[in-house]
Amino acid sequence: MAMPINVTSTSNNMDTLSRNELVGFINDTLVLNYKKVEQMCTGAAYCQMLHILWPEKVPLKKVKFGAKLEHAYIDNWKVLQEAFKRLHIEKDIPIQRLVKGRFQDNFEFLQWFYKFFTINDSGDHDGYDAVALRGGAGNAPAPTRSPVKRAPVKKPAPAPAAVSNVKKSGSNQNSAELKRLQGEVADLNAAIEGLEKERDFYFSKLRDIEVICQEKEGDELYTDFIAGIIEILYATEEGFGPAEDEVEGEPEIEDDEQEEY
């Protein structure tokens, strides 16, 4: 296959696929069962996706598809990094950020890779057996279980019909109500998780803008411009100001955020 066409990530040339569509694309191509973008942090899927396009450039046997620890993720990313060098792919891989499994970093890299793959894909890989080539490893869909044979048990003597029917009816109602409530809780948790990830994504963008403004703050050429941006960033509205305890003292920052910034 020809040498790769390099892709530069910009807001104008990136396809606006949702996180679910991007994960679905990886699952369909590699016969995986990933549930979320963060699972791409192992780097294994990227290695095999690149192997589809240039099999002679990616030593798939070195890829740890069952990796569970960060040091193993780093090994996978280094395999991909070496393949990028051999193919002259002009893309920096922020390994130390990707292996942390944060949504934003992995989402941005996956967006870029999707664009890169689709531009370079000739579509001539119908005979590519992704599962066999990785030795059946990886997060593939679980096989259907065969029914388990159970030893016969003695049936208890039947209770009086009226009492038995009442107990069965009450049990069925409780079970159905429990399942309904569990479903509602799961839906709410999923919605909260999605909102938190979107919040973190846009907050990091604003933080990047703030850092740039702070770097240019002493430059007379940008004084008015930077002042206008800072005013917008720090502006508050009624009901949306910082919490009182954060105004009076130091804001609480999680360890991850301290390391990142």
Protein backbone atom coordinates (compact mmCIF):
# COMPACT_ATOMS: atom_id res chain seq x y z
CA MET A 1 0.00 0.00 0.00
CA ALA A 2 1.12 3.58 -0.68
CA MET A 3 2.62 5.77 2.00
CA PRO A 4 0.07 7.47 4.25
CA ILE A 5 -1.69 10.75 3.63
CA ASN A 6 -1.08 12.92 6.67
CA VAL A 7 -4.00 14.65 8.35
CA THR A 8 -3.96 17.82 10.43
CA SER A 9 -6.66 18.12 13.08
CA THR A 10 -8.65 21.33 12.91
CA SER A 11 -12.21 22.20 13.83
CA ASN A 12 -12.96 22.69 10.14
CA ASN A 13 -11.76 19.38 8.76
CA MET A 14 -12.75 16.95 11.52
CA ASP A 15 -15.92 14.91 11.06
CA THR A 16 -18.50 15.66 13.73
CA LEU A 17 -19.16 12.09 14.83
CA SER A 18 -20.47 11.46 18.31
CA ARG A 19 -18.52 9.44 20.85
CA ASN A 20 -20.89 6.51 20.35
CA GLU A 21 -20.43 6.58 16.57
CA LEU A 22 -16.64 6.61 16.91
CA VAL A 23 -16.62 3.73 19.37
CA GLY A 24 -19.06 1.86 17.12
CA PHE A 25 -16.69 2.35 14.18
CA ILE A 26 -13.83 0.74 16.14
CA ASN A 27 -16.06 -2.11 17.35
CA ASP A 28 -17.38 -2.87 13.85
CA THR A 29 -13.93 -2.80 12.27
CA LEU A 30 -12.12 -4.92 14.88
CA VAL A 31 -15.03 -7.00 16.24
CA LEU A 32 -14.67 -5.52 19.71
CA ASN A 33 -17.15 -4.62 22.39
CA TYR A 34 -15.88 -1.32 23.73
CA LYS A 35 -18.46 0.67 25.69
CA LYS A 36 -16.82 4.10 25.85
CA VAL A 37 -14.07 6.26 24.40
CA GLU A 38 -11.90 5.97 27.52
CA GLN A 39 -11.25 2.27 26.76
CA MET A 40 -9.13 3.37 23.79
CA CYS A 41 -6.46 4.43 26.32
CA THR A 42 -4.76 1.00 26.07
CA GLY A 43 -3.56 1.84 22.56
CA ALA A 44 -4.14 -1.75 21.39
CA ALA A 45 -7.06 -0.95 19.09
CA TYR A 46 -5.07 1.77 17.31
CA CYS A 47 -2.22 -0.67 16.66
CA GLN A 48 -4.55 -3.14 14.97
CA MET A 49 -6.38 -0.44 13.02
CA LEU A 50 -3.03 0.67 11.61
CA HIS A 51 -2.15 -2.99 10.99
CA ILE A 52 -5.17 -3.22 8.69
CA LEU A 53 -3.69 -0.51 6.46
CA TRP A 54 0.03 -1.40 6.72
CA PRO A 55 0.37 -4.92 8.18
CA GLU A 56 4.11 -5.10 7.50
CA LYS A 57 4.73 -1.94 9.58
CA VAL A 58 2.98 -2.97 12.81
CA PRO A 59 4.33 -5.97 14.79
CA LEU A 60 0.95 -7.09 16.11
CA LYS A 61 2.52 -9.83 18.27
CA LYS A 62 4.02 -7.11 20.48
CA VAL A 63 0.62 -5.59 21.21
CA LYS A 64 -0.88 -6.46 24.60
CA PHE A 65 -4.61 -6.71 23.91
CA GLY A 66 -5.36 -7.85 27.44
CA ALA A 67 -3.47 -4.96 29.06
CA LYS A 68 -4.91 -3.88 32.41
CA LEU A 69 -2.16 -1.65 33.82
CA GLU A 70 -0.76 1.69 32.74
CA HIS A 71 2.78 0.44 32.03
CA ALA A 72 1.32 -2.11 29.59
CA TYR A 73 -0.68 0.64 27.90
CA ILE A 74 2.54 2.60 27.42
CA ASP A 75 4.15 -0.42 25.72
CA ASN A 76 1.26 -0.53 23.24
CA TRP A 77 1.49 3.17 22.51
CA LYS A 78 5.23 2.82 21.88
CA VAL A 79 4.49 0.13 19.28
CA LEU A 80 2.14 2.59 17.57
CA GLN A 81 4.66 5.41 17.90
CA GLU A 82 7.38 3.35 16.21
CA ALA A 83 4.98 2.46 13.40
CA PHE A 84 4.20 6.16 12.95
CA LYS A 85 7.92 6.86 12.59
CA ARG A 86 8.39 4.10 10.02
CA LEU A 87 5.45 5.40 8.01
CA HIS A 88 6.41 9.08 8.43
CA ILE A 89 3.01 9.88 9.96
CA GLU A 90 3.24 13.44 11.21
CA LYS A 91 1.29 13.17 14.43
CA ASP A 92 2.52 13.54 18.00
CA ILE A 93 1.08 10.96 20.39
CA PRO A 94 0.57 12.40 23.92
CA ILE A 95 1.14 9.01 25.54
CA GLN A 96 1.31 10.18 29.16
CA ARG A 97 -2.05 11.92 28.83
CA LEU A 98 -3.79 9.17 26.85
CA VAL A 99 -2.90 6.35 29.26
CA LYS A 100 -4.68 8.21 32.10
CA GLY A 101 -7.97 7.29 30.43
CA ARG A 102 -9.49 10.76 30.51
CA PHE A 103 -12.32 11.34 28.08
CA GLN A 104 -11.16 14.58 26.46
CA ASP A 105 -7.65 13.45 25.48
CA ASN A 106 -8.82 10.10 24.14
CA PHE A 107 -11.81 11.62 22.33
CA GLU A 108 -9.64 14.15 20.49
CA PHE A 109 -7.10 11.52 19.44
CA LEU A 110 -9.85 9.15 18.31
CA GLN A 111 -11.39 11.95 16.21
CA TRP A 112 -8.06 12.52 14.51
CA PHE A 113 -7.45 8.80 13.96
CA TYR A 114 -10.90 8.28 12.44
CA LYS A 115 -10.16 11.04 9.91
CA PHE A 116 -6.70 9.61 9.21
CA PHE A 117 -7.99 6.04 8.79
CA THR A 118 -10.90 6.90 6.49
CA ILE A 119 -8.69 9.01 4.20
CA ASN A 120 -6.07 6.26 3.89
CA ASP A 121 -8.41 3.26 3.81
CA SER A 122 -8.73 1.66 0.38
CA GLY A 123 -11.52 -0.62 1.65
CA ASP A 124 -9.62 -3.69 0.46
CA HIS A 125 -9.61 -5.65 3.72
CA ASP A 126 -12.75 -7.79 3.58
CA GLY A 127 -10.68 -10.89 4.32
CA TYR A 128 -9.05 -9.36 7.38
CA ASP A 129 -9.84 -11.57 10.38
CA ALA A 130 -9.27 -9.16 13.26
CA VAL A 131 -10.06 -11.65 16.04
CA ALA A 132 -7.85 -14.42 14.65
CA LEU A 133 -4.91 -12.09 14.01
CA ARG A 134 -4.86 -10.96 17.63
CA GLY A 135 -5.18 -14.56 18.81
CA GLY A 136 -8.73 -14.10 20.07
CA ALA A 137 -7.53 -11.61 22.66
CA GLY A 138 -9.08 -8.26 23.41
CA ASN A 139 -12.49 -7.12 24.50
CA ALA A 140 -14.50 -9.14 22.00
CA PRO A 141 -18.19 -9.87 22.54
CA ALA A 142 -18.65 -12.64 25.07
CA PRO A 143 -19.70 -15.98 23.53
CA THR A 144 -23.15 -17.33 24.25
CA ARG A 145 -23.09 -19.64 27.23
CA SER A 146 -24.37 -23.16 26.94
CA PRO A 147 -27.06 -24.01 29.48
CA VAL A 148 -25.74 -25.35 32.79
CA LYS A 149 -27.13 -28.64 33.96
CA ARG A 150 -28.35 -28.54 37.51
CA ALA A 151 -28.87 -31.38 39.91
CA PRO A 152 -32.54 -32.13 40.51
CA VAL A 153 -33.97 -30.76 43.71
CA LYS A 154 -36.88 -31.98 45.72
CA LYS A 155 -39.96 -29.87 45.31
CA PRO A 156 -41.48 -28.68 48.58
CA ALA A 157 -45.02 -29.57 49.35
CA PRO A 158 -47.38 -27.08 47.68
CA ALA A 159 -48.88 -24.44 49.96
CA PRO A 160 -52.60 -23.83 50.03
CA ALA A 161 -53.64 -22.34 46.68
CA ALA A 162 -55.00 -19.03 48.00
CA VAL A 163 -51.94 -18.20 50.14
CA SER A 164 -49.50 -19.28 47.38
CA ASN A 165 -51.16 -17.08 44.75
CA VAL A 166 -51.12 -14.02 47.04
CA LYS A 167 -47.41 -14.43 47.84
CA LYS A 168 -46.53 -15.00 44.16
CA SER A 169 -48.48 -11.94 43.06
CA GLY A 170 -46.83 -9.70 45.67
CA SER A 171 -43.36 -11.02 44.79
CA ASN A 172 -43.86 -10.41 41.07
CA GLN A 173 -45.05 -6.85 41.69
CA ASN A 174 -42.06 -6.08 43.93
CA SER A 175 -39.65 -7.56 41.41
CA ALA A 176 -41.12 -5.55 38.54
CA GLU A 177 -41.05 -2.33 40.57
CA LEU A 178 -37.43 -2.97 41.59
CA LYS A 179 -36.37 -3.53 37.97
CA ARG A 180 -38.15 -0.35 36.90
CA LEU A 181 -36.42 1.71 39.60
CA GLN A 182 -33.04 0.16 38.80
CA GLY A 183 -33.54 1.07 35.14
CA GLU A 184 -34.35 4.67 36.05
CA VAL A 185 -31.27 4.92 38.28
CA ALA A 186 -29.05 3.52 35.51
CA ASP A 187 -30.47 6.03 33.00
CA LEU A 188 -29.91 8.93 35.40
CA ASN A 189 -26.35 7.83 36.16
CA ALA A 190 -25.58 7.59 32.45
CA ALA A 191 -27.01 11.07 31.86
CA ILE A 192 -25.00 12.52 34.76
CA GLU A 193 -21.81 10.88 33.49
CA GLY A 194 -22.36 12.33 30.03
CA LEU A 195 -22.98 15.82 31.40
CA GLU A 196 -19.88 15.65 33.61
CA LYS A 197 -17.71 14.65 30.67
CA GLU A 198 -19.06 17.46 28.51
CA ARG A 199 -18.55 19.91 31.37
CA ASP A 200 -14.94 18.81 31.78
CA PHE A 201 -14.34 18.99 28.04
CA TYR A 202 -15.52 22.60 27.71
CA PHE A 203 -13.91 23.65 30.98
CA SER A 204 -10.53 22.47 29.71
CA LYS A 205 -11.01 24.58 26.57
CA LEU A 206 -11.73 27.65 28.68
CA ARG A 207 -8.73 26.85 30.85
CA ASP A 208 -6.49 26.70 27.76
CA ILE A 209 -7.78 30.12 26.70
CA GLU A 210 -7.11 31.48 30.20
CA VAL A 211 -3.51 30.19 30.12
CA ILE A 212 -2.88 31.83 26.74
CA CYS A 213 -4.30 35.11 28.06
CA GLN A 214 -2.08 34.94 31.13
CA GLU A 215 0.99 34.36 28.95
CA LYS A 216 0.18 37.43 26.84
CA GLU A 217 -0.96 39.60 29.74
CA GLY A 218 2.19 41.72 29.85
CA ASP A 219 2.31 42.26 26.07
CA GLU A 220 1.22 45.84 25.30
CA LEU A 221 0.19 44.81 21.80
CA TYR A 222 -2.59 42.62 23.19
CA THR A 223 -3.47 44.51 26.39
CA ASP A 224 -7.02 45.58 25.45
CA PHE A 225 -7.79 42.36 23.62
CA ILE A 226 -6.65 40.15 26.51
CA ALA A 227 -8.46 42.34 29.04
CA GLY A 228 -11.71 41.85 27.12
CA ILE A 229 -11.32 38.08 27.06
CA ILE A 230 -10.41 37.93 30.77
CA GLU A 231 -13.47 40.04 31.61
CA ILE A 232 -15.71 37.56 29.77
CA LEU A 233 -14.05 34.53 31.39
CA TYR A 234 -14.39 35.89 34.93
CA ALA A 235 -17.83 37.45 34.52
CA THR A 236 -20.55 36.07 36.80
CA GLU A 237 -24.33 36.05 36.68
CA GLU A 238 -26.87 35.93 39.43
CA GLY A 239 -27.17 32.35 40.63
CA PHE A 240 -24.02 31.24 38.77
CA GLY A 241 -21.23 32.77 40.86
CA PRO A 242 -18.61 30.73 42.71
CA ALA A 243 -19.65 29.06 45.94
CA GLU A 244 -19.17 31.16 49.11
CA ASP A 245 -16.63 28.79 50.63
CA GLU A 246 -14.57 28.95 47.45
CA VAL A 247 -14.66 32.77 47.43
CA GLU A 248 -13.45 33.10 51.02
CA GLY A 249 -10.72 30.46 50.81
CA GLU A 250 -8.72 28.44 48.37
CA PRO A 251 -10.85 26.45 45.90
CA GLU A 252 -10.63 22.71 46.29
CA ILE A 253 -8.82 21.10 43.37
CA GLU A 254 -8.66 17.39 42.77
CA ASP A 255 -5.25 15.72 42.55
CA ASP A 256 -5.73 14.94 38.84
CA GLU A 257 -6.35 18.61 38.07
CA GLN A 258 -3.31 19.72 40.07
CA GLU A 259 -1.11 17.39 38.07
CA GLU A 260 -2.60 18.41 34.77
CA TYR A 261 -2.31 22.14 35.22
